[in-house]
Amino acid sequence: MTGPRRLANFVRSLASSRRGNVAIITALVFPFLIVLGGGAIDFHRGYTAKAQAQDAIDLAAISAASSRTIDTDQLEGIAVDYLAGNIAGRLMNPNPTVEVHDPEVSGFRMTLSGSVDSIFLGLVGIPTMPVEVETVVERGTMETIELVLVLDNTWSMSAPAGGGVTKIAALKSASNVLVNALMANPDAAVKLGVVPYGDYVNVGTGNRGASWLSVPADISTTSQRVCTTITTRNVCTRGATKTCTRSRDGVVESYDCTPQTCRTEPVAPYQSCSGGTTTVQRWFGCVTSRPQGTHRLNDNAGFPYPGLLATSQNCLTAITPLTDRKATITAAINALVVNVGNYKPETYIPSGLMWGINVLSPTEPFSQGAAYGTNNTRPRKIMVLMTDGENTLRFNPSNGLHQAPSGGNAGVTQLAATNTDTTALCNYAKSKKIEVYTVALAVTSNTARNLLSACASEADNYFDVRDTALLEEAFLGIAASIYKVRIVS
């Protein structure tokens, strides 16, 4: 029997007694019992609120420490901004007080003061209980940072994963948390870039004439107009309504597959004409892999990247090269999409990796990066690779396209080859001393998780995130790791 039920039975037994002295005792003791039992509940709420507050202030302090600033107001502002989105829905009342003490380049102490509402103790004049926690952070030496976010923008990112919001919405939020942590201090030597990828990447149509690209002229084709005499028509009758499902990049979609019964019947002859329309194949900024030899697996010069012509766009938002302008990076992150019209991309991780390397490289394509430093210092080059699934496309060596695999065992072999290319590009990046972080968001495939874990520069650089609610924490963990920020007490 639970405590509250025992208390209720005890109170009922007292109330049912006809003896006067028991009634008097009941009148005296009953309020005390209510406060005593309810107080235990309130104290448990206070304990829970303090634990939640400690978790929140630890993460807020990491976010602030990663900014590298030593200005008290800036540090407190960063922490308050972080807490605003992380206290909601918890027991502690909103708008707690945050104070930073002894800010130095090496670290600082941060305190949080707030309250939690009482349920029962208010009966004895205690409407709220105080919540006070503190944390101390240390941070390493300041470095010059060049970091590229290689972000999965495939159609599967349109689905939620545990946290309620869609994966792409969670990715935008988490990426902005990382950007705010790294670029809060305008004097910090930090440059960031963004590579959205699906089955292809978009290098931007403004680069069409670049020497590292090979883009043919747009192709305009007008079909011949043909007229035919029609003497029959098909008349179809729908059967019982039927709905089927299909999977596109891991997202299950429903569609109408109701069967029909059709027959042909004669009609008065008439002319039907078709054709005579003009189709234009344009370049929307999409590029394929280089098909020559193993050039798809390195950034060596010698062969340009082929531009892909199409009647509609089949790549996503354009790459944002390295920049120290926070507003530019924030705008790029907020502009991320998972489809363009009917184009719903699938997953080809090697494409994202190749262009992440290109963005960090000091040579074309994209030459905003500084020269590689000895042992990856000055600058420290970092790649953050994020995906929510496994490779679903294969490389076609005849034209560099990324296409759906064949059926059966042949398709299994083709996807295994894509995974091998992924590993080769991870190793190539690490051979350049690029520090690689990988984030797996709600990835269920052990093959994919092992692939990402092996891609990371070290075990602690791999983040296995099972739902969207924890993605921000993972990206903050990356910021803390980059700046060697750690909680010491």
Protein backbone atom coordinates (compact mmCIF):
# COMPACT_ATOMS: atom_id res chain seq x y z
CA MET A 1 0.00 0.00 0.00
CA THR A 2 1.39 3.42 -0.92
CA GLY A 3 2.07 6.19 1.59
CA PRO A 4 -0.77 8.49 0.42
CA ARG A 5 -3.24 5.57 0.58
CA ARG A 6 -2.16 4.67 4.13
CA LEU A 7 -2.58 8.31 5.13
CA ALA A 8 -6.06 8.43 3.59
CA ASN A 9 -7.14 5.25 5.37
CA PHE A 10 -5.79 6.58 8.65
CA VAL A 11 -7.67 9.84 8.25
CA ARG A 12 -10.90 7.99 7.40
CA SER A 13 -10.53 5.79 10.51
CA LEU A 14 -10.09 8.85 12.66
CA ALA A 15 -13.03 10.61 11.11
CA SER A 16 -15.30 7.56 11.61
CA SER A 17 -14.55 7.30 15.35
CA ARG A 18 -17.38 8.46 17.61
CA ARG A 19 -15.22 9.09 20.61
CA GLY A 20 -14.92 12.78 21.37
CA ASN A 21 -11.26 12.74 22.33
CA VAL A 22 -10.37 11.17 19.00
CA ALA A 23 -12.33 13.85 17.21
CA ILE A 24 -10.42 16.52 19.09
CA ILE A 25 -7.09 14.88 18.32
CA THR A 26 -8.14 14.54 14.70
CA ALA A 27 -8.92 18.23 14.49
CA LEU A 28 -5.52 19.07 15.93
CA VAL A 29 -3.42 16.55 14.04
CA PHE A 30 -5.09 16.48 10.63
CA PRO A 31 -3.64 19.79 9.33
CA PHE A 32 -0.22 18.76 10.57
CA LEU A 33 -0.48 15.45 8.73
CA ILE A 34 -1.53 17.21 5.54
CA VAL A 35 1.44 19.58 5.73
CA LEU A 36 3.81 16.76 6.71
CA GLY A 37 2.75 14.46 3.87
CA GLY A 38 2.45 17.26 1.35
CA GLY A 39 5.73 18.75 2.48
CA ALA A 40 7.48 15.53 1.52
CA ILE A 41 6.06 15.89 -1.97
CA ASP A 42 7.20 19.51 -2.15
CA PHE A 43 10.69 18.66 -0.94
CA HIS A 44 10.94 15.98 -3.62
CA ARG A 45 9.88 18.55 -6.22
CA GLY A 46 12.56 20.88 -4.91
CA TYR A 47 15.20 18.14 -5.13
CA THR A 48 14.17 17.34 -8.70
CA ALA A 49 14.18 21.02 -9.66
CA LYS A 50 17.71 21.41 -8.27
CA ALA A 51 18.96 18.42 -10.28
CA GLN A 52 17.36 19.85 -13.43
CA ALA A 53 18.85 23.27 -12.70
CA GLN A 54 22.32 21.76 -12.24
CA ASP A 55 22.12 20.06 -15.64
CA ALA A 56 20.91 23.29 -17.23
CA ILE A 57 23.57 25.54 -15.67
CA ASP A 58 26.34 23.09 -16.61
CA LEU A 59 25.30 23.23 -20.28
CA ALA A 60 24.74 27.00 -20.14
CA ALA A 61 28.23 27.47 -18.69
CA ILE A 62 29.74 25.29 -21.42
CA SER A 63 27.94 27.40 -24.03
CA ALA A 64 29.22 30.61 -22.46
CA ALA A 65 32.76 29.31 -21.94
CA SER A 66 32.98 28.20 -25.56
CA SER A 67 32.51 31.83 -26.63
CA ARG A 68 36.02 32.66 -25.30
CA THR A 69 34.86 36.04 -24.02
CA ILE A 70 35.75 37.16 -20.48
CA ASP A 71 33.15 39.94 -20.35
CA THR A 72 30.75 39.26 -17.48
CA ASP A 73 27.69 40.72 -19.21
CA GLN A 74 28.35 38.74 -22.39
CA LEU A 75 28.87 35.50 -20.48
CA GLU A 76 25.68 36.01 -18.48
CA GLY A 77 23.77 36.94 -21.65
CA ILE A 78 24.86 33.77 -23.44
CA ALA A 79 23.85 31.67 -20.44
CA VAL A 80 20.46 33.38 -20.09
CA ASP A 81 19.75 32.90 -23.81
CA TYR A 82 20.57 29.21 -23.52
CA LEU A 83 18.47 28.76 -20.37
CA ALA A 84 15.48 30.50 -21.95
CA GLY A 85 14.97 27.52 -24.22
CA ASN A 86 15.91 24.85 -21.71
CA ILE A 87 14.15 25.78 -18.46
CA ALA A 88 10.69 25.76 -20.07
CA GLY A 89 8.72 22.66 -19.16
CA ARG A 90 10.83 21.96 -16.06
CA LEU A 91 9.80 22.37 -12.44
CA MET A 92 11.80 25.52 -11.77
CA ASN A 93 10.09 28.84 -12.40
CA PRO A 94 11.23 30.73 -15.53
CA ASN A 95 13.66 33.66 -15.59
CA PRO A 96 16.17 32.53 -12.96
CA THR A 97 19.05 34.80 -11.98
CA VAL A 98 22.43 33.95 -13.51
CA GLU A 99 25.68 35.43 -12.23
CA VAL A 100 29.26 34.98 -13.41
CA HIS A 101 32.09 35.24 -10.90
CA ASP A 102 35.83 35.70 -11.46
CA PRO A 103 35.81 35.58 -15.29
CA GLU A 104 39.25 34.83 -16.70
CA VAL A 105 40.59 33.49 -19.96
CA SER A 106 41.12 30.18 -18.15
CA GLY A 107 37.54 29.90 -16.86
CA PHE A 108 34.95 31.19 -14.39
CA ARG A 109 32.31 30.26 -11.82
CA MET A 110 28.61 30.58 -12.64
CA THR A 111 25.65 30.51 -10.24
CA LEU A 112 21.93 30.14 -10.88
CA SER A 113 19.26 31.24 -8.42
CA GLY A 114 15.56 30.56 -8.86
CA SER A 115 12.57 29.00 -7.18
CA VAL A 116 10.03 26.22 -7.47
CA ASP A 117 6.38 26.64 -6.48
CA SER A 118 5.13 24.78 -3.39
CA ILE A 119 1.93 22.78 -3.54
CA PHE A 120 1.35 22.02 0.14
CA LEU A 121 3.88 24.14 2.03
CA GLY A 122 2.02 27.23 0.90
CA LEU A 123 -0.54 26.30 3.56
CA VAL A 124 2.02 27.26 6.21
CA GLY A 125 3.30 30.39 4.48
CA ILE A 126 5.98 28.88 2.21
CA PRO A 127 4.71 29.55 -1.34
CA THR A 128 8.04 28.82 -3.03
CA MET A 129 11.28 27.00 -2.31
CA PRO A 130 14.65 28.40 -3.37
CA VAL A 131 16.81 26.63 -5.95
CA GLU A 132 20.49 27.55 -6.01
CA VAL A 133 23.24 25.76 -7.94
CA GLU A 134 26.68 26.63 -9.23
CA THR A 135 29.26 25.29 -11.63
CA VAL A 136 32.91 26.00 -12.38
CA VAL A 137 34.36 25.65 -15.88
CA GLU A 138 37.88 25.60 -17.21
CA ARG A 139 38.82 26.27 -20.81
CA GLY A 140 41.97 25.71 -22.80
CA THR A 141 44.05 28.17 -24.74
CA MET A 142 42.52 30.21 -27.55
CA GLU A 143 43.21 28.96 -31.07
CA THR A 144 42.54 29.94 -34.67
CA ILE A 145 39.60 27.82 -35.82
CA GLU A 146 38.32 26.90 -39.29
CA LEU A 147 35.27 24.64 -39.06
CA VAL A 148 32.87 23.29 -41.67
CA LEU A 149 29.44 21.88 -40.90
CA VAL A 150 28.65 19.01 -43.30
CA LEU A 151 24.92 18.57 -42.74
CA ASP A 152 22.50 15.91 -43.95
CA ASN A 153 19.56 17.61 -45.69
CA THR A 154 17.98 14.48 -47.14
CA TRP A 155 14.23 13.80 -47.20
CA SER A 156 14.39 11.61 -44.09
CA MET A 157 15.26 14.74 -42.11
CA SER A 158 11.64 15.86 -42.58
CA ALA A 159 10.53 13.26 -40.03
CA PRO A 160 10.58 13.65 -36.22
CA ALA A 161 12.80 11.53 -33.99
CA GLY A 162 11.75 11.21 -30.39
CA GLY A 163 11.97 14.88 -29.48
CA GLY A 164 8.74 15.87 -31.23
CA VAL A 165 10.15 18.35 -33.77
CA THR A 166 11.41 17.35 -37.20
CA LYS A 167 15.04 16.38 -37.50
CA ILE A 168 15.81 19.30 -39.83
CA ALA A 169 14.30 21.76 -37.32
CA ALA A 170 16.37 20.22 -34.52
CA LEU A 171 19.48 20.37 -36.72
CA LYS A 172 18.99 24.08 -37.39
CA SER A 173 18.55 24.78 -33.68
CA ALA A 174 21.57 22.69 -32.65
CA SER A 175 23.77 24.17 -35.39
CA ASN A 176 22.88 27.69 -34.27
CA VAL A 177 23.77 26.74 -30.69
CA LEU A 178 27.21 25.66 -31.92
CA VAL A 179 27.62 28.82 -33.99
CA ASN A 180 26.61 31.02 -31.05
CA ALA A 181 29.09 29.23 -28.81
CA LEU A 182 32.00 29.55 -31.26
CA MET A 183 31.29 33.04 -32.61
CA ALA A 184 29.89 34.88 -29.59
CA ASN A 185 33.18 36.74 -29.20
CA PRO A 186 33.64 38.98 -32.27
CA ASP A 187 37.40 39.06 -31.63
CA ALA A 188 37.77 35.27 -31.76
CA ALA A 189 39.74 33.94 -34.73
CA VAL A 190 36.96 31.68 -36.00
CA LYS A 191 35.72 30.95 -39.51
CA LEU A 192 32.80 28.65 -40.25
CA GLY A 193 31.39 27.13 -43.45
CA VAL A 194 28.29 25.08 -44.27
CA VAL A 195 27.96 22.16 -46.71
CA PRO A 196 24.35 20.92 -47.07
CA TYR A 197 24.28 17.57 -48.84
CA GLY A 198 21.79 15.00 -50.10
CA ASP A 199 22.53 12.98 -53.20
CA TYR A 200 24.52 15.95 -54.56
CA VAL A 201 25.80 19.31 -53.31
CA ASN A 202 25.17 22.79 -54.71
CA VAL A 203 28.34 24.84 -55.33
CA GLY A 204 26.38 27.96 -56.31
CA THR A 205 25.48 29.09 -59.83
CA GLY A 206 27.77 32.10 -59.45
CA ASN A 207 30.74 29.76 -59.88
CA ARG A 208 29.70 28.61 -63.34
CA GLY A 209 32.78 30.01 -65.09
CA ALA A 210 35.26 28.75 -62.47
CA SER A 211 38.24 26.78 -63.74
CA TRP A 212 37.51 23.92 -61.34
CA LEU A 213 34.09 23.34 -62.91
CA SER A 214 33.04 21.79 -66.20
CA VAL A 215 29.51 22.92 -66.92
CA PRO A 216 28.11 22.54 -70.45
CA ALA A 217 25.88 25.17 -71.95
CA ASP A 218 22.18 24.91 -71.23
CA ILE A 219 20.40 22.63 -73.68
CA SER A 220 17.10 23.69 -75.25
CA THR A 221 15.13 21.01 -77.10
CA THR A 222 11.86 21.47 -78.98
CA SER A 223 9.96 18.29 -79.73
CA GLN A 224 8.21 17.74 -83.03
CA ARG A 225 4.49 18.38 -83.02
CA VAL A 226 2.58 15.24 -84.04
CA CYS A 227 -1.17 14.91 -84.66
CA THR A 228 -3.07 11.62 -84.63
CA THR A 229 -6.66 10.67 -85.45
CA ILE A 230 -8.32 9.13 -82.39
CA THR A 231 -11.27 6.74 -82.82
CA THR A 232 -11.47 5.08 -79.37
CA ARG A 233 -11.18 5.96 -75.71
CA ASN A 234 -10.48 4.09 -72.50
CA VAL A 235 -13.25 4.01 -69.91
CA CYS A 236 -12.05 2.92 -66.45
CA THR A 237 -13.97 1.96 -63.33
CA ARG A 238 -12.32 2.18 -59.91
CA GLY A 239 -12.47 -0.84 -57.66
CA ALA A 240 -12.40 -0.92 -53.87
CA THR A 241 -10.28 1.90 -52.48
CA LYS A 242 -6.76 0.77 -51.67
CA THR A 243 -3.84 2.61 -50.10
CA CYS A 244 -0.23 1.49 -50.52
CA THR A 245 3.00 2.64 -48.91
CA ARG A 246 6.50 3.23 -50.19
CA SER A 247 9.73 4.37 -48.58
CA ARG A 248 11.78 7.31 -49.79
CA ASP A 249 15.06 7.84 -47.95
CA GLY A 250 13.60 6.08 -44.94
CA VAL A 251 10.35 8.07 -44.86
CA VAL A 252 7.25 5.92 -45.37
CA GLU A 253 4.71 7.60 -47.66
CA SER A 254 1.15 6.57 -48.47
CA TYR A 255 -0.37 6.77 -51.94
CA ASP A 256 -3.56 5.72 -53.71
CA CYS A 257 -3.18 2.39 -55.51
CA THR A 258 -6.85 1.60 -56.09
CA PRO A 259 -7.19 -0.96 -58.91
CA GLN A 260 -9.12 -0.05 -62.04
CA THR A 261 -10.92 -2.04 -64.69
CA CYS A 262 -10.71 -0.46 -68.13
CA ARG A 263 -12.40 -1.08 -71.46
CA THR A 264 -12.11 0.50 -74.91
CA GLU A 265 -15.12 2.00 -76.63
CA PRO A 266 -15.46 3.73 -80.01
CA VAL A 267 -15.84 7.49 -80.33
CA ALA A 268 -16.37 9.86 -83.22
CA PRO A 269 -12.98 10.42 -84.90
CA TYR A 270 -11.06 13.51 -83.77
CA GLN A 271 -7.54 14.92 -84.00
CA SER A 272 -5.22 14.86 -80.98
CA CYS A 273 -1.91 16.69 -81.19
CA SER A 274 1.10 16.57 -78.89
CA GLY A 275 4.67 17.82 -78.85
CA GLY A 276 5.94 21.13 -80.09
CA THR A 277 7.02 22.12 -76.58
CA THR A 278 10.46 23.33 -75.58
CA THR A 279 12.38 21.69 -72.77
CA VAL A 280 15.40 23.44 -71.26
CA GLN A 281 18.08 21.62 -69.29
CA ARG A 282 19.76 24.14 -66.99
CA TRP A 283 22.49 24.17 -64.40
CA PHE A 284 21.17 24.78 -60.90
CA GLY A 285 24.56 24.57 -59.17
CA CYS A 286 24.58 20.78 -58.75
CA VAL A 287 27.83 18.85 -59.26
CA THR A 288 28.54 15.14 -59.59
CA SER A 289 31.61 13.24 -58.45
CA ARG A 290 34.69 13.24 -60.65
CA PRO A 291 34.58 9.94 -62.57
CA GLN A 292 38.28 9.78 -63.45
CA GLY A 293 40.12 7.10 -61.48
CA THR A 294 40.04 7.79 -57.74
CA HIS A 295 39.63 11.57 -58.02
CA ARG A 296 36.24 11.25 -56.32
CA LEU A 297 38.22 10.42 -53.16
CA ASN A 298 40.63 13.39 -53.01
CA ASP A 299 40.87 17.11 -53.74
CA ASN A 300 43.85 16.87 -56.08
CA ALA A 301 43.78 19.21 -59.06
CA GLY A 302 43.76 17.93 -62.63
CA PHE A 303 40.14 17.20 -63.41
CA PRO A 304 37.25 19.67 -63.01
CA TYR A 305 34.03 18.80 -61.23
CA PRO A 306 31.18 18.03 -63.69
CA GLY A 307 28.13 20.27 -63.50
CA LEU A 308 24.81 18.44 -63.73
CA LEU A 309 22.21 19.77 -66.17
CA ALA A 310 18.55 19.04 -65.47
CA THR A 311 15.06 20.33 -66.19
CA SER A 312 14.52 20.98 -62.48
CA GLN A 313 16.75 21.46 -59.45
CA ASN A 314 18.13 18.25 -57.95
CA CYS A 315 20.42 19.62 -55.26
CA LEU A 316 19.67 21.76 -52.22
CA THR A 317 20.87 25.11 -50.86
CA ALA A 318 24.32 26.24 -51.91
CA ILE A 319 27.53 25.73 -49.98
CA THR A 320 28.59 28.63 -47.77
CA PRO A 321 32.40 28.98 -47.86
CA LEU A 322 34.43 29.78 -44.75
CA THR A 323 33.62 33.18 -43.30
CA ASP A 324 34.01 35.02 -40.01
CA ARG A 325 30.60 36.69 -40.45
CA LYS A 326 28.22 35.10 -37.97
CA ALA A 327 25.15 36.52 -39.75
CA THR A 328 26.15 34.77 -42.98
CA ILE A 329 26.48 31.38 -41.27
CA THR A 330 23.25 31.82 -39.32
CA ALA A 331 21.38 32.70 -42.52
CA ALA A 332 22.82 29.63 -44.26
CA ILE A 333 21.70 27.35 -41.43
CA ASN A 334 18.22 28.85 -41.28
CA ALA A 335 17.88 28.40 -45.07
CA LEU A 336 18.43 24.62 -44.94
CA VAL A 337 15.69 22.62 -46.70
CA VAL A 338 15.00 18.93 -47.30
CA ASN A 339 13.27 19.21 -50.66
CA VAL A 340 12.85 21.52 -53.64
CA GLY A 341 9.43 20.94 -55.18
CA ASN A 342 9.11 17.24 -55.92
CA TYR A 343 12.85 16.70 -55.48
CA LYS A 344 13.31 14.72 -52.27
CA PRO A 345 16.98 13.80 -51.97
CA GLU A 346 18.44 10.55 -50.75
CA THR A 347 21.74 9.99 -48.96
CA TYR A 348 25.23 10.02 -50.48
CA ILE A 349 27.63 10.86 -47.65
CA PRO A 350 30.81 10.90 -49.80
CA SER A 351 29.51 13.99 -51.59
CA GLY A 352 29.24 15.91 -48.32
CA LEU A 353 32.66 14.76 -47.14
CA MET A 354 34.39 15.66 -50.41
CA TRP A 355 33.05 19.20 -50.34
CA GLY A 356 33.70 19.60 -46.63
CA ILE A 357 37.35 18.94 -47.44
CA ASN A 358 37.18 21.37 -50.37
CA VAL A 359 35.81 24.12 -48.12
CA LEU A 360 38.63 23.67 -45.58
CA SER A 361 41.35 23.33 -48.21
CA PRO A 362 43.45 26.44 -48.99
CA THR A 363 43.24 25.66 -52.72
CA GLU A 364 40.36 25.75 -55.18
CA PRO A 365 37.55 24.99 -55.25
CA PHE A 366 36.88 27.50 -52.46
CA SER A 367 40.15 28.97 -51.27
CA GLN A 368 39.03 30.90 -48.17
CA GLY A 369 40.85 28.44 -45.91
CA ALA A 370 44.34 29.14 -44.65
CA ALA A 371 47.22 26.81 -45.44
CA TYR A 372 47.29 23.59 -43.46
CA GLY A 373 49.27 24.10 -40.26
CA THR A 374 51.71 21.70 -38.67
CA ASN A 375 49.81 19.16 -36.56
CA ASN A 376 46.56 21.04 -37.34
CA THR A 377 47.47 24.17 -35.39
CA ARG A 378 47.10 27.77 -36.54
CA PRO A 379 44.64 27.12 -37.97
CA ARG A 380 42.93 24.19 -36.37
CA LYS A 381 40.77 22.71 -39.14
CA ILE A 382 37.64 20.86 -38.05
CA MET A 383 34.87 19.03 -39.88
CA VAL A 384 31.54 18.17 -38.26
CA LEU A 385 29.72 15.48 -40.25
CA MET A 386 26.08 14.89 -39.35
CA THR A 387 23.65 12.34 -40.81
CA ASP A 388 20.44 10.60 -39.81
CA GLY A 389 20.97 7.40 -41.78
CA GLU A 390 23.01 5.20 -44.02
CA ASN A 391 24.10 5.63 -47.62
CA THR A 392 21.28 4.85 -50.07
CA LEU A 393 22.95 5.64 -53.42
CA ARG A 394 25.81 4.24 -55.49
CA PHE A 395 28.52 5.92 -57.56
CA ASN A 396 28.32 5.43 -61.35
CA PRO A 397 31.92 5.42 -62.63
CA SER A 398 30.90 6.12 -66.23
CA ASN A 399 29.44 9.57 -65.55
CA GLY A 400 29.97 10.40 -61.85
CA LEU A 401 26.25 10.30 -61.05
CA HIS A 402 24.92 9.08 -57.70
CA GLN A 403 22.14 6.64 -58.48
CA ALA A 404 19.81 4.13 -56.86
CA PRO A 405 21.43 0.72 -56.40
CA SER A 406 20.44 -2.33 -58.37
CA GLY A 407 18.21 -4.95 -56.82
CA GLY A 408 19.35 -8.00 -54.91
CA ASN A 409 22.93 -8.83 -54.05
CA ALA A 410 24.29 -6.45 -56.68
CA GLY A 411 22.72 -3.53 -54.84
CA VAL A 412 24.16 -4.69 -51.52
CA THR A 413 27.61 -4.77 -53.10
CA GLN A 414 27.14 -1.30 -54.61
CA LEU A 415 26.13 0.26 -51.28
CA ALA A 416 29.06 -1.46 -49.59
CA ALA A 417 31.28 0.28 -52.15
CA THR A 418 29.71 3.63 -51.21
CA ASN A 419 30.50 2.92 -47.56
CA THR A 420 34.08 2.09 -48.55
CA ASP A 421 34.31 5.45 -50.35
CA THR A 422 32.94 7.15 -47.21
CA THR A 423 35.69 5.58 -45.12
CA ALA A 424 38.32 6.52 -47.71
CA LEU A 425 37.27 10.19 -47.61
CA CYS A 426 37.22 10.19 -43.79
CA ASN A 427 40.75 8.82 -43.80
CA TYR A 428 41.81 11.33 -46.45
CA ALA A 429 40.52 14.20 -44.31
CA LYS A 430 42.36 12.85 -41.27
CA SER A 431 45.53 12.45 -43.34
CA LYS A 432 45.33 16.23 -43.85
CA LYS A 433 45.20 16.55 -40.02
CA ILE A 434 41.59 17.72 -40.23
CA GLU A 435 39.86 16.97 -36.92
CA VAL A 436 36.67 15.06 -37.67
CA TYR A 437 33.56 14.98 -35.47
CA THR A 438 30.60 12.80 -36.45
CA VAL A 439 27.01 12.97 -35.25
CA ALA A 440 24.53 10.12 -35.84
CA LEU A 441 20.95 11.31 -35.31
CA ALA A 442 18.46 8.48 -34.69
CA VAL A 443 20.54 6.12 -36.84
CA THR A 444 19.28 2.56 -36.46
CA SER A 445 21.74 0.78 -38.75
CA ASN A 446 24.71 -0.72 -36.93
CA THR A 447 26.66 -0.54 -40.19
CA ALA A 448 26.05 3.21 -40.42
CA ARG A 449 26.85 3.81 -36.74
CA ASN A 450 30.09 1.87 -37.01
CA LEU A 451 30.96 3.79 -40.18
CA LEU A 452 30.47 7.14 -38.44
CA SER A 453 32.28 6.05 -35.29
CA ALA A 454 35.30 4.98 -37.34
CA CYS A 455 35.19 8.23 -39.31
CA ALA A 456 35.65 10.37 -36.19
CA SER A 457 39.20 11.34 -35.28
CA GLU A 458 38.84 9.67 -31.88
CA ALA A 459 36.18 7.88 -29.88
CA ASP A 460 35.07 11.00 -27.99
CA ASN A 461 34.48 12.80 -31.30
CA TYR A 462 31.58 10.49 -32.18
CA PHE A 463 28.10 11.41 -30.90
CA ASP A 464 25.30 8.82 -31.09
CA VAL A 465 22.12 10.88 -30.59
CA ARG A 466 18.92 8.85 -30.36
CA ASP A 467 16.37 11.69 -30.52
CA THR A 468 16.15 15.33 -31.55
CA ALA A 469 15.84 16.58 -27.96
CA LEU A 470 19.49 15.65 -27.32
CA LEU A 471 20.97 17.08 -30.52
CA GLU A 472 21.71 20.51 -29.01
CA GLU A 473 23.56 18.84 -26.16
CA ALA A 474 25.72 16.96 -28.68
CA PHE A 475 26.60 20.12 -30.60
CA LEU A 476 27.41 21.91 -27.34
CA GLY A 477 29.62 18.95 -26.49
CA ILE A 478 31.48 19.55 -29.74
CA ALA A 479 31.97 23.22 -28.86
CA ALA A 480 33.25 22.25 -25.42
CA SER A 481 35.62 19.71 -26.92
CA ILE A 482 36.94 22.19 -29.46
CA TYR A 483 37.78 24.73 -26.78
CA LYS A 484 38.68 22.07 -24.23
CA VAL A 485 35.96 23.36 -21.92
CA ARG A 486 35.22 21.13 -18.94
CA ILE A 487 33.17 21.26 -15.77
CA VAL A 488 35.49 21.00 -12.76
CA SER A 489 32.95 21.38 -9.95
